[in-house]
Amino acid sequence: MDRRSSWLKGVLDLLVLAGLTEGESYGYALAARLDEAGFGRIKGGTLYPVLNRLEEAGLVVAEFRAAEKGPGRRYYHLTDQGRAVLAEQGAAWLEFDASVREVLRKGGIG
């Protein structure tokens, strides 16, 4: 059984916030970076609800920009609250990850 999609769903908000730490971006570019990082192709039907939820929570701000060619794009950037949540939840994730690694190590994995 492949659990990666369940694991990704649990951490995608955090990954999106982390993906915006270097500056603003739009959804397709965020998805491409996550794919390059080894998380696989994340479809818009998964990513955009996350971005909308983060925006509603005040963790990101979106700005629509018209394009000279093709459709416009919504660019997202972190708010100060988003940075704070990323720091807090990122630390919590790293603690969780360390606990999982320790249990697996004791089980003879890794």
PDB file of N, CA and C in Angstrom:
ATOM      1  N   MET A   1       0.844  -1.174   0.000  1.00  0.00           N
ATOM      2  CA  MET A   1       0.000   0.000   0.000  1.00  0.00           C
ATOM      3  C   MET A   1       0.899   1.251   0.000  1.00  0.00           C
ATOM      4  N   ASP A   2       0.621   2.172  -0.878  1.00  0.00           N
ATOM      5  CA  ASP A   2       1.412   3.397  -0.983  1.00  0.00           C
ATOM      6  C   ASP A   2       0.762   4.493  -0.148  1.00  0.00           C
ATOM      7  N   ARG A   3       1.428   4.904   0.889  1.00  0.00           N
ATOM      8  CA  ARG A   3       0.911   5.899   1.823  1.00  0.00           C
ATOM      9  C   ARG A   3       1.358   7.320   1.494  1.00  0.00           C
ATOM     10  N   ARG A   4       2.194   7.485   0.474  1.00  0.00           N
ATOM     11  CA  ARG A   4       2.763   8.809   0.207  1.00  0.00           C
ATOM     12  C   ARG A   4       1.713   9.882  -0.021  1.00  0.00           C
ATOM     13  N   SER A   5       0.621   9.576  -0.710  1.00  0.00           N
ATOM     14  CA  SER A   5      -0.393  10.609  -0.949  1.00  0.00           C
ATOM     15  C   SER A   5      -1.045  11.032   0.363  1.00  0.00           C
ATOM     16  N   SER A   6      -1.255  10.119   1.288  1.00  0.00           N
ATOM     17  CA  SER A   6      -1.804  10.476   2.605  1.00  0.00           C
ATOM     18  C   SER A   6      -0.817  11.324   3.387  1.00  0.00           C
ATOM     19  N   TRP A   7       0.453  10.961   3.333  1.00  0.00           N
ATOM     20  CA  TRP A   7       1.473  11.742   4.039  1.00  0.00           C
ATOM     21  C   TRP A   7       1.554  13.150   3.466  1.00  0.00           C
ATOM     22  N   LEU A   8       1.521  13.245   2.143  1.00  0.00           N
ATOM     23  CA  LEU A   8       1.603  14.542   1.480  1.00  0.00           C
ATOM     24  C   LEU A   8       0.412  15.419   1.859  1.00  0.00           C
ATOM     25  N   LYS A   9      -0.757  14.827   1.889  1.00  0.00           N
ATOM     26  CA  LYS A   9      -1.955  15.593   2.248  1.00  0.00           C
ATOM     27  C   LYS A   9      -1.799  16.201   3.637  1.00  0.00           C
ATOM     28  N   GLY A  10      -1.187  15.486   4.539  1.00  0.00           N
ATOM     29  CA  GLY A  10      -1.002  15.961   5.904  1.00  0.00           C
ATOM     30  C   GLY A  10       0.016  17.076   6.050  1.00  0.00           C
ATOM     31  N   VAL A  11       0.884  17.234   5.077  1.00  0.00           N
ATOM     32  CA  VAL A  11       1.963  18.217   5.208  1.00  0.00           C
ATOM     33  C   VAL A  11       1.969  19.248   4.078  1.00  0.00           C
ATOM     34  N   LEU A  12       1.021  19.172   3.156  1.00  0.00           N
ATOM     35  CA  LEU A  12       1.039  20.046   1.992  1.00  0.00           C
ATOM     36  C   LEU A  12       0.924  21.523   2.358  1.00  0.00           C
ATOM     37  N   ASP A  13       0.108  21.866   3.344  1.00  0.00           N
ATOM     38  CA  ASP A  13       0.012  23.265   3.762  1.00  0.00           C
ATOM     39  C   ASP A  13       1.390  23.795   4.148  1.00  0.00           C
ATOM     40  N   LEU A  14       2.097  23.018   4.927  1.00  0.00           N
ATOM     41  CA  LEU A  14       3.428  23.404   5.391  1.00  0.00           C
ATOM     42  C   LEU A  14       4.409  23.536   4.225  1.00  0.00           C
ATOM     43  N   LEU A  15       4.338  22.620   3.275  1.00  0.00           N
ATOM     44  CA  LEU A  15       5.223  22.667   2.112  1.00  0.00           C
ATOM     45  C   LEU A  15       4.939  23.895   1.246  1.00  0.00           C
ATOM     46  N   VAL A  16       3.669  24.245   1.102  1.00  0.00           N
ATOM     47  CA  VAL A  16       3.315  25.432   0.317  1.00  0.00           C
ATOM     48  C   VAL A  16       3.838  26.685   1.007  1.00  0.00           C
ATOM     49  N   LEU A  17       3.645  26.777   2.326  1.00  0.00           N
ATOM     50  CA  LEU A  17       4.182  27.932   3.057  1.00  0.00           C
ATOM     51  C   LEU A  17       5.696  28.012   2.890  1.00  0.00           C
ATOM     52  N   ALA A  18       6.370  26.884   3.032  1.00  0.00           N
ATOM     53  CA  ALA A  18       7.823  26.861   2.886  1.00  0.00           C
ATOM     54  C   ALA A  18       8.240  27.251   1.469  1.00  0.00           C
ATOM     55  N   GLY A  19       7.426  26.872   0.490  1.00  0.00           N
ATOM     56  CA  GLY A  19       7.729  27.208  -0.897  1.00  0.00           C
ATOM     57  C   GLY A  19       7.620  28.686  -1.203  1.00  0.00           C
ATOM     58  N   LEU A  20       6.989  29.428  -0.317  1.00  0.00           N
ATOM     59  CA  LEU A  20       6.830  30.867  -0.526  1.00  0.00           C
ATOM     60  C   LEU A  20       7.821  31.704   0.288  1.00  0.00           C
ATOM     61  N   THR A  21       8.753  31.059   0.971  1.00  0.00           N
ATOM     62  CA  THR A  21       9.687  31.813   1.808  1.00  0.00           C
ATOM     63  C   THR A  21      10.677  32.647   1.006  1.00  0.00           C
ATOM     64  N   GLU A  22      10.946  32.249  -0.210  1.00  0.00           N
ATOM     65  CA  GLU A  22      11.913  32.998  -1.018  1.00  0.00           C
ATOM     66  C   GLU A  22      11.256  34.085  -1.846  1.00  0.00           C
ATOM     67  N   GLY A  23       9.962  34.246  -1.712  1.00  0.00           N
ATOM     68  CA  GLY A  23       9.257  35.282  -2.446  1.00  0.00           C
ATOM     69  C   GLY A  23       7.971  34.758  -3.049  1.00  0.00           C
ATOM     70  N   GLU A  24       7.287  35.654  -3.729  1.00  0.00           N
ATOM     71  CA  GLU A  24       5.986  35.308  -4.287  1.00  0.00           C
ATOM     72  C   GLU A  24       6.102  34.277  -5.403  1.00  0.00           C
ATOM     73  N   SER A  25       4.989  33.593  -5.614  1.00  0.00           N
ATOM     74  CA  SER A  25       4.940  32.583  -6.672  1.00  0.00           C
ATOM     75  C   SER A  25       3.486  32.356  -7.035  1.00  0.00           C
ATOM     76  N   TYR A  26       3.278  31.654  -8.134  1.00  0.00           N
ATOM     77  CA  TYR A  26       1.932  31.274  -8.547  1.00  0.00           C
ATOM     78  C   TYR A  26       1.815  29.757  -8.459  1.00  0.00           C
ATOM     79  N   GLY A  27       0.591  29.272  -8.504  1.00  0.00           N
ATOM     80  CA  GLY A  27       0.319  27.871  -8.235  1.00  0.00           C
ATOM     81  C   GLY A  27       1.112  26.885  -9.066  1.00  0.00           C
ATOM     82  N   TYR A  28       1.144  27.096 -10.386  1.00  0.00           N
ATOM     83  CA  TYR A  28       1.848  26.139 -11.250  1.00  0.00           C
ATOM     84  C   TYR A  28       3.331  26.052 -10.890  1.00  0.00           C
ATOM     85  N   ALA A  29       3.950  27.203 -10.592  1.00  0.00           N
ATOM     86  CA  ALA A  29       5.371  27.207 -10.231  1.00  0.00           C
ATOM     87  C   ALA A  29       5.595  26.494  -8.899  1.00  0.00           C
ATOM     88  N   LEU A  30       4.692  26.679  -7.948  1.00  0.00           N
ATOM     89  CA  LEU A  30       4.800  25.961  -6.675  1.00  0.00           C
ATOM     90  C   LEU A  30       4.702  24.457  -6.897  1.00  0.00           C
ATOM     91  N   ALA A  31       3.742  24.050  -7.710  1.00  0.00           N
ATOM     92  CA  ALA A  31       3.581  22.620  -8.002  1.00  0.00           C
ATOM     93  C   ALA A  31       4.818  22.056  -8.681  1.00  0.00           C
ATOM     94  N   ALA A  32       5.396  22.809  -9.599  1.00  0.00           N
ATOM     95  CA  ALA A  32       6.604  22.349 -10.297  1.00  0.00           C
ATOM     96  C   ALA A  32       7.764  22.183  -9.322  1.00  0.00           C
ATOM     97  N   ARG A  33       7.919  23.122  -8.380  1.00  0.00           N
ATOM     98  CA  ARG A  33       9.001  23.015  -7.394  1.00  0.00           C
ATOM     99  C   ARG A  33       8.810  21.813  -6.484  1.00  0.00           C
ATOM    100  N   LEU A  34       7.571  21.560  -6.092  1.00  0.00           N
ATOM    101  CA  LEU A  34       7.312  20.388  -5.254  1.00  0.00           C
ATOM    102  C   LEU A  34       7.574  19.097  -6.016  1.00  0.00           C
ATOM    103  N   ASP A  35       7.248  19.073  -7.288  1.00  0.00           N
ATOM    104  CA  ASP A  35       7.536  17.915  -8.129  1.00  0.00           C
ATOM    105  C   ASP A  35       9.045  17.696  -8.221  1.00  0.00           C
ATOM    106  N   GLU A  36       9.781  18.769  -8.464  1.00  0.00           N
ATOM    107  CA  GLU A  36      11.245  18.678  -8.547  1.00  0.00           C
ATOM    108  C   GLU A  36      11.859  18.214  -7.224  1.00  0.00           C
ATOM    109  N   ALA A  37      11.206  18.550  -6.116  1.00  0.00           N
ATOM    110  CA  ALA A  37      11.712  18.158  -4.798  1.00  0.00           C
ATOM    111  C   ALA A  37      11.409  16.697  -4.468  1.00  0.00           C
ATOM    112  N   GLY A  38      10.655  16.020  -5.346  1.00  0.00           N
ATOM    113  CA  GLY A  38      10.402  14.601  -5.153  1.00  0.00           C
ATOM    114  C   GLY A  38       9.021  14.251  -4.639  1.00  0.00           C
ATOM    115  N   PHE A  39       8.111  15.220  -4.591  1.00  0.00           N
ATOM    116  CA  PHE A  39       6.767  14.954  -4.087  1.00  0.00           C
ATOM    117  C   PHE A  39       5.800  14.514  -5.167  1.00  0.00           C
ATOM    118  N   GLY A  40       6.253  14.475  -6.392  1.00  0.00           N
ATOM    119  CA  GLY A  40       5.389  14.067  -7.494  1.00  0.00           C
ATOM    120  C   GLY A  40       4.550  15.218  -7.994  1.00  0.00           C
ATOM    121  N   ARG A  41       3.750  14.909  -9.007  1.00  0.00           N
ATOM    122  CA  ARG A  41       2.906  15.930  -9.639  1.00  0.00           C
ATOM    123  C   ARG A  41       1.689  16.195  -8.760  1.00  0.00           C
ATOM    124  N   ILE A  42       1.546  17.428  -8.338  1.00  0.00           N
ATOM    125  CA  ILE A  42       0.404  17.821  -7.522  1.00  0.00           C
ATOM    126  C   ILE A  42      -0.567  18.565  -8.420  1.00  0.00           C
ATOM    127  N   LYS A  43      -1.760  18.039  -8.539  1.00  0.00           N
ATOM    128  CA  LYS A  43      -2.747  18.607  -9.449  1.00  0.00           C
ATOM    129  C   LYS A  43      -3.363  19.873  -8.852  1.00  0.00           C
ATOM    130  N   GLY A  44      -3.864  20.710  -9.753  1.00  0.00           N
ATOM    131  CA  GLY A  44      -4.497  21.951  -9.337  1.00  0.00           C
ATOM    132  C   GLY A  44      -5.667  21.732  -8.395  1.00  0.00           C
ATOM    133  N   GLY A  45      -6.395  20.646  -8.595  1.00  0.00           N
ATOM    134  CA  GLY A  45      -7.531  20.336  -7.735  1.00  0.00           C
ATOM    135  C   GLY A  45      -7.128  20.023  -6.305  1.00  0.00           C
ATOM    136  N   THR A  46      -5.857  19.752  -6.100  1.00  0.00           N
ATOM    137  CA  THR A  46      -5.312  19.543  -4.760  1.00  0.00           C
ATOM    138  C   THR A  46      -4.661  20.817  -4.249  1.00  0.00           C
ATOM    139  N   LEU A  47      -3.867  21.468  -5.096  1.00  0.00           N
ATOM    140  CA  LEU A  47      -3.079  22.628  -4.671  1.00  0.00           C
ATOM    141  C   LEU A  47      -3.920  23.876  -4.432  1.00  0.00           C
ATOM    142  N   TYR A  48      -4.828  24.182  -5.341  1.00  0.00           N
ATOM    143  CA  TYR A  48      -5.554  25.456  -5.218  1.00  0.00           C
ATOM    144  C   TYR A  48      -6.477  25.523  -4.005  1.00  0.00           C
ATOM    145  N   PRO A  49      -7.125  24.443  -3.606  1.00  0.00           N
ATOM    146  CA  PRO A  49      -7.869  24.515  -2.336  1.00  0.00           C
ATOM    147  C   PRO A  49      -6.958  24.808  -1.139  1.00  0.00           C
ATOM    148  N   VAL A  50      -5.731  24.280  -1.159  1.00  0.00           N
ATOM    149  CA  VAL A  50      -4.770  24.573  -0.091  1.00  0.00           C
ATOM    150  C   VAL A  50      -4.441  26.064  -0.102  1.00  0.00           C
ATOM    151  N   LEU A  51      -4.130  26.601  -1.277  1.00  0.00           N
ATOM    152  CA  LEU A  51      -3.812  28.025  -1.374  1.00  0.00           C
ATOM    153  C   LEU A  51      -4.990  28.886  -0.923  1.00  0.00           C
ATOM    154  N   ASN A  52      -6.195  28.503  -1.306  1.00  0.00           N
ATOM    155  CA  ASN A  52      -7.381  29.251  -0.879  1.00  0.00           C
ATOM    156  C   ASN A  52      -7.557  29.203   0.635  1.00  0.00           C
ATOM    157  N   ARG A  53      -7.359  28.033   1.214  1.00  0.00           N
ATOM    158  CA  ARG A  53      -7.478  27.879   2.663  1.00  0.00           C
ATOM    159  C   ARG A  53      -6.434  28.716   3.396  1.00  0.00           C
ATOM    160  N   LEU A  54      -5.207  28.719   2.878  1.00  0.00           N
ATOM    161  CA  LEU A  54      -4.141  29.519   3.490  1.00  0.00           C
ATOM    162  C   LEU A  54      -4.446  31.012   3.378  1.00  0.00           C
ATOM    163  N   GLU A  55      -5.031  31.394   2.247  1.00  0.00           N
ATOM    164  CA  GLU A  55      -5.408  32.800   2.063  1.00  0.00           C
ATOM    165  C   GLU A  55      -6.528  33.184   3.039  1.00  0.00           C
ATOM    166  N   GLU A  56      -7.540  32.344   3.168  1.00  0.00           N
ATOM    167  CA  GLU A  56      -8.640  32.621   4.087  1.00  0.00           C
ATOM    168  C   GLU A  56      -8.166  32.706   5.528  1.00  0.00           C
ATOM    169  N   ALA A  57      -7.119  31.961   5.861  1.00  0.00           N
ATOM    170  CA  ALA A  57      -6.562  31.970   7.219  1.00  0.00           C
ATOM    171  C   ALA A  57      -5.627  33.156   7.448  1.00  0.00           C
ATOM    172  N   GLY A  58      -5.355  33.928   6.402  1.00  0.00           N
ATOM    173  CA  GLY A  58      -4.466  35.074   6.544  1.00  0.00           C
ATOM    174  C   GLY A  58      -2.987  34.740   6.516  1.00  0.00           C
ATOM    175  N   LEU A  59      -2.666  33.526   6.050  1.00  0.00           N
ATOM    176  CA  LEU A  59      -1.265  33.090   6.026  1.00  0.00           C
ATOM    177  C   LEU A  59      -0.568  33.464   4.727  1.00  0.00           C
ATOM    178  N   VAL A  60      -1.337  33.641   3.675  1.00  0.00           N
ATOM    179  CA  VAL A  60      -0.824  34.120   2.395  1.00  0.00           C
ATOM    180  C   VAL A  60      -1.768  35.192   1.861  1.00  0.00           C
ATOM    181  N   VAL A  61      -1.239  36.029   1.002  1.00  0.00           N
ATOM    182  CA  VAL A  61      -2.027  37.033   0.299  1.00  0.00           C
ATOM    183  C   VAL A  61      -1.874  36.752  -1.185  1.00  0.00           C
ATOM    184  N   ALA A  62      -2.972  36.855  -1.911  1.00  0.00           N
ATOM    185  CA  ALA A  62      -2.944  36.606  -3.348  1.00  0.00           C
ATOM    186  C   ALA A  62      -3.235  37.892  -4.101  1.00  0.00           C
ATOM    187  N   GLU A  63      -2.580  38.006  -5.249  1.00  0.00           N
ATOM    188  CA  GLU A  63      -2.805  39.153  -6.123  1.00  0.00           C
ATOM    189  C   GLU A  63      -2.931  38.645  -7.550  1.00  0.00           C
ATOM    190  N   PHE A  64      -4.025  38.990  -8.201  1.00  0.00           N
ATOM    191  CA  PHE A  64      -4.222  38.593  -9.597  1.00  0.00           C
ATOM    192  C   PHE A  64      -3.501  39.579 -10.498  1.00  0.00           C
ATOM    193  N   ARG A  65      -2.767  39.045 -11.466  1.00  0.00           N
ATOM    194  CA  ARG A  65      -2.084  39.874 -12.448  1.00  0.00           C
ATOM    195  C   ARG A  65      -2.426  39.402 -13.849  1.00  0.00           C
ATOM    196  N   ALA A  66      -2.866  40.331 -14.657  1.00  0.00           N
ATOM    197  CA  ALA A  66      -3.144  40.023 -16.058  1.00  0.00           C
ATOM    198  C   ALA A  66      -1.832  39.755 -16.775  1.00  0.00           C
ATOM    199  N   ALA A  67      -1.881  38.913 -17.781  1.00  0.00           N
ATOM    200  CA  ALA A  67      -0.701  38.595 -18.574  1.00  0.00           C
ATOM    201  C   ALA A  67      -0.863  39.180 -19.973  1.00  0.00           C
ATOM    202  N   GLU A  68       0.269  39.502 -20.598  1.00  0.00           N
ATOM    203  CA  GLU A  68       0.211  40.015 -21.973  1.00  0.00           C
ATOM    204  C   GLU A  68      -0.291  38.938 -22.926  1.00  0.00           C
ATOM    205  N   LYS A  69       0.149  37.713 -22.696  1.00  0.00           N
ATOM    206  CA  LYS A  69      -0.298  36.574 -23.496  1.00  0.00           C
ATOM    207  C   LYS A  69      -0.829  35.517 -22.547  1.00  0.00           C
ATOM    208  N   GLY A  70      -1.944  34.947 -22.905  1.00  0.00           N
ATOM    209  CA  GLY A  70      -2.511  33.888 -22.087  1.00  0.00           C
ATOM    210  C   GLY A  70      -3.269  34.433 -20.892  1.00  0.00           C
ATOM    211  N   PRO A  71      -3.721  33.504 -20.056  1.00  0.00           N
ATOM    212  CA  PRO A  71      -4.527  33.923 -18.903  1.00  0.00           C
ATOM    213  C   PRO A  71      -3.675  34.588 -17.824  1.00  0.00           C
ATOM    214  N   GLY A  72      -4.320  35.385 -16.999  1.00  0.00           N
ATOM    215  CA  GLY A  72      -3.624  35.991 -15.865  1.00  0.00           C
ATOM    216  C   GLY A  72      -3.330  34.936 -14.812  1.00  0.00           C
ATOM    217  N   ARG A  73      -2.579  35.354 -13.803  1.00  0.00           N
ATOM    218  CA  ARG A  73      -2.200  34.428 -12.729  1.00  0.00           C
ATOM    219  C   ARG A  73      -2.410  35.086 -11.378  1.00  0.00           C
ATOM    220  N   ARG A  74      -2.686  34.241 -10.402  1.00  0.00           N
ATOM    221  CA  ARG A  74      -2.724  34.712  -9.013  1.00  0.00           C
ATOM    222  C   ARG A  74      -1.363  34.428  -8.404  1.00  0.00           C
ATOM    223  N   TYR A  75      -0.725  35.482  -7.933  1.00  0.00           N
ATOM    224  CA  TYR A  75       0.565  35.362  -7.254  1.00  0.00           C
ATOM    225  C   TYR A  75       0.329  35.384  -5.753  1.00  0.00           C
ATOM    226  N   TYR A  76       1.005  34.504  -5.055  1.00  0.00           N
ATOM    227  CA  TYR A  76       0.835  34.352  -3.616  1.00  0.00           C
ATOM    228  C   TYR A  76       2.127  34.743  -2.913  1.00  0.00           C
ATOM    229  N   HIS A  77       1.982  35.393  -1.746  1.00  0.00           N
ATOM    230  CA  HIS A  77       3.153  35.615  -0.906  1.00  0.00           C
ATOM    231  C   HIS A  77       2.765  35.460   0.556  1.00  0.00           C
ATOM    232  N   LEU A  78       3.754  35.131   1.371  1.00  0.00           N
ATOM    233  CA  LEU A  78       3.536  34.898   2.794  1.00  0.00           C
ATOM    234  C   LEU A  78       3.247  36.193   3.532  1.00  0.00           C
ATOM    235  N   THR A  79       2.399  36.098   4.514  1.00  0.00           N
ATOM    236  CA  THR A  79       2.198  37.200   5.441  1.00  0.00           C
ATOM    237  C   THR A  79       3.105  36.957   6.654  1.00  0.00           C
ATOM    238  N   ASP A  80       3.194  37.936   7.536  1.00  0.00           N
ATOM    239  CA  ASP A  80       3.959  37.730   8.772  1.00  0.00           C
ATOM    240  C   ASP A  80       3.364  36.591   9.584  1.00  0.00           C
ATOM    241  N   GLN A  81       2.038  36.509   9.588  1.00  0.00           N
ATOM    242  CA  GLN A  81       1.378  35.413  10.294  1.00  0.00           C
ATOM    243  C   GLN A  81       1.730  34.073   9.647  1.00  0.00           C
ATOM    244  N   GLY A  82       1.818  34.045   8.320  1.00  0.00           N
ATOM    245  CA  GLY A  82       2.204  32.825   7.618  1.00  0.00           C
ATOM    246  C   GLY A  82       3.612  32.382   7.983  1.00  0.00           C
ATOM    247  N   ARG A  83       4.520  33.347   8.092  1.00  0.00           N
ATOM    248  CA  ARG A  83       5.896  33.021   8.500  1.00  0.00           C
ATOM    249  C   ARG A  83       5.936  32.461   9.919  1.00  0.00           C
ATOM    250  N   ALA A  84       5.129  33.048  10.806  1.00  0.00           N
ATOM    251  CA  ALA A  84       5.079  32.567  12.189  1.00  0.00           C
ATOM    252  C   ALA A  84       4.525  31.143  12.256  1.00  0.00           C
ATOM    253  N   VAL A  85       3.449  30.888  11.513  1.00  0.00           N
ATOM    254  CA  VAL A  85       2.858  29.546  11.493  1.00  0.00           C
ATOM    255  C   VAL A  85       3.851  28.549  10.891  1.00  0.00           C
ATOM    256  N   LEU A  86       4.541  28.950   9.842  1.00  0.00           N
ATOM    257  CA  LEU A  86       5.550  28.075   9.233  1.00  0.00           C
ATOM    258  C   LEU A  86       6.632  27.717  10.240  1.00  0.00           C
ATOM    259  N   ALA A  87       7.112  28.706  10.989  1.00  0.00           N
ATOM    260  CA  ALA A  87       8.159  28.441  11.981  1.00  0.00           C
ATOM    261  C   ALA A  87       7.657  27.479  13.057  1.00  0.00           C
ATOM    262  N   GLU A  88       6.451  27.740  13.562  1.00  0.00           N
ATOM    263  CA  GLU A  88       5.892  26.902  14.617  1.00  0.00           C
ATOM    264  C   GLU A  88       5.594  25.492  14.127  1.00  0.00           C
ATOM    265  N   GLN A  89       4.861  25.396  13.022  1.00  0.00           N
ATOM    266  CA  GLN A  89       4.471  24.087  12.505  1.00  0.00           C
ATOM    267  C   GLN A  89       5.657  23.335  11.894  1.00  0.00           C
ATOM    268  N   GLY A  90       6.603  24.078  11.329  1.00  0.00           N
ATOM    269  CA  GLY A  90       7.810  23.441  10.799  1.00  0.00           C
ATOM    270  C   GLY A  90       8.601  22.768  11.909  1.00  0.00           C
ATOM    271  N   ALA A  91       8.725  23.460  13.041  1.00  0.00           N
ATOM    272  CA  ALA A  91       9.429  22.875  14.191  1.00  0.00           C
ATOM    273  C   ALA A  91       8.688  21.645  14.701  1.00  0.00           C
ATOM    274  N   ALA A  92       7.358  21.732  14.757  1.00  0.00           N
ATOM    275  CA  ALA A  92       6.564  20.587  15.208  1.00  0.00           C
ATOM    276  C   ALA A  92       6.736  19.404  14.256  1.00  0.00           C
ATOM    277  N   TRP A  93       6.750  19.681  12.951  1.00  0.00           N
ATOM    278  CA  TRP A  93       6.940  18.601  11.975  1.00  0.00           C
ATOM    279  C   TRP A  93       8.314  17.949  12.158  1.00  0.00           C
ATOM    280  N   LEU A  94       9.355  18.751  12.361  1.00  0.00           N
ATOM    281  CA  LEU A  94      10.694  18.186  12.537  1.00  0.00           C
ATOM    282  C   LEU A  94      10.773  17.316  13.779  1.00  0.00           C
ATOM    283  N   GLU A  95      10.085  17.701  14.852  1.00  0.00           N
ATOM    284  CA  GLU A  95      10.033  16.858  16.053  1.00  0.00           C
ATOM    285  C   GLU A  95       9.319  15.543  15.750  1.00  0.00           C
ATOM    286  N   PHE A  96       8.204  15.642  15.035  1.00  0.00           N
ATOM    287  CA  PHE A  96       7.449  14.444  14.652  1.00  0.00           C
ATOM    288  C   PHE A  96       8.309  13.534  13.783  1.00  0.00           C
ATOM    289  N   ASP A  97       8.984  14.120  12.800  1.00  0.00           N
ATOM    290  CA  ASP A  97       9.858  13.365  11.903  1.00  0.00           C
ATOM    291  C   ASP A  97      10.953  12.646  12.692  1.00  0.00           C
ATOM    292  N   ALA A  98      11.545  13.344  13.654  1.00  0.00           N
ATOM    293  CA  ALA A  98      12.600  12.726  14.465  1.00  0.00           C
ATOM    294  C   ALA A  98      12.044  11.542  15.252  1.00  0.00           C
ATOM    295  N   SER A  99      10.834  11.661  15.776  1.00  0.00           N
ATOM    296  CA  SER A  99      10.214  10.564  16.526  1.00  0.00           C
ATOM    297  C   SER A  99       9.959   9.363  15.624  1.00  0.00           C
ATOM    298  N   VAL A 100       9.432   9.620  14.430  1.00  0.00           N
ATOM    299  CA  VAL A 100       9.184   8.533  13.480  1.00  0.00           C
ATOM    300  C   VAL A 100      10.497   7.850  13.116  1.00  0.00           C
ATOM    301  N   ARG A 101      11.516   8.642  12.817  1.00  0.00           N
ATOM    302  CA  ARG A 101      12.825   8.070  12.457  1.00  0.00           C
ATOM    303  C   ARG A 101      13.379   7.195  13.574  1.00  0.00           C
ATOM    304  N   GLU A 102      13.230   7.645  14.815  1.00  0.00           N
ATOM    305  CA  GLU A 102      13.745   6.878  15.959  1.00  0.00           C
ATOM    306  C   GLU A 102      13.028   5.542  16.098  1.00  0.00           C
ATOM    307  N   VAL A 103      11.721   5.549  15.958  1.00  0.00           N
ATOM    308  CA  VAL A 103      10.955   4.299  16.062  1.00  0.00           C
ATOM    309  C   VAL A 103      11.347   3.356  14.917  1.00  0.00           C
ATOM    310  N   LEU A 104      11.476   3.901  13.704  1.00  0.00           N
ATOM    311  CA  LEU A 104      11.877   3.060  12.584  1.00  0.00           C
ATOM    312  C   LEU A 104      13.299   2.520  12.761  1.00  0.00           C
ATOM    313  N   ARG A 105      14.187   3.349  13.264  1.00  0.00           N
ATOM    314  CA  ARG A 105      15.554   2.904  13.495  1.00  0.00           C
ATOM    315  C   ARG A 105      15.575   1.749  14.483  1.00  0.00           C
ATOM    316  N   LYS A 106      14.798   1.887  15.560  1.00  0.00           N
ATOM    317  CA  LYS A 106      14.731   0.810  16.553  1.00  0.00           C
ATOM    318  C   LYS A 106      14.101  -0.443  15.966  1.00  0.00           C
ATOM    319  N   GLY A 107      13.274  -0.263  14.942  1.00  0.00           N
ATOM    320  CA  GLY A 107      12.662  -1.405  14.268  1.00  0.00           C
ATOM    321  C   GLY A 107      13.564  -2.019  13.205  1.00  0.00           C
ATOM    322  N   GLY A 108      14.782  -1.508  13.084  1.00  0.00           N
ATOM    323  CA  GLY A 108      15.739  -2.079  12.155  1.00  0.00           C
ATOM    324  C   GLY A 108      15.716  -1.455  10.769  1.00  0.00           C
ATOM    325  N   ILE A 109      15.036  -0.333  10.620  1.00  0.00           N
ATOM    326  CA  ILE A 109      14.966   0.348   9.325  1.00  0.00           C
ATOM    327  C   ILE A 109      15.807   1.607   9.412  1.00  0.00           C
ATOM    328  N   GLY A 110      16.705   1.755   8.433  1.00  0.00           N
ATOM    329  CA  GLY A 110      17.547   2.968   8.401  1.00  0.00           C
ATOM    330  C   GLY A 110      18.700   2.810   9.265  1.00  0.00           C
TER     331      GLY A 110
END
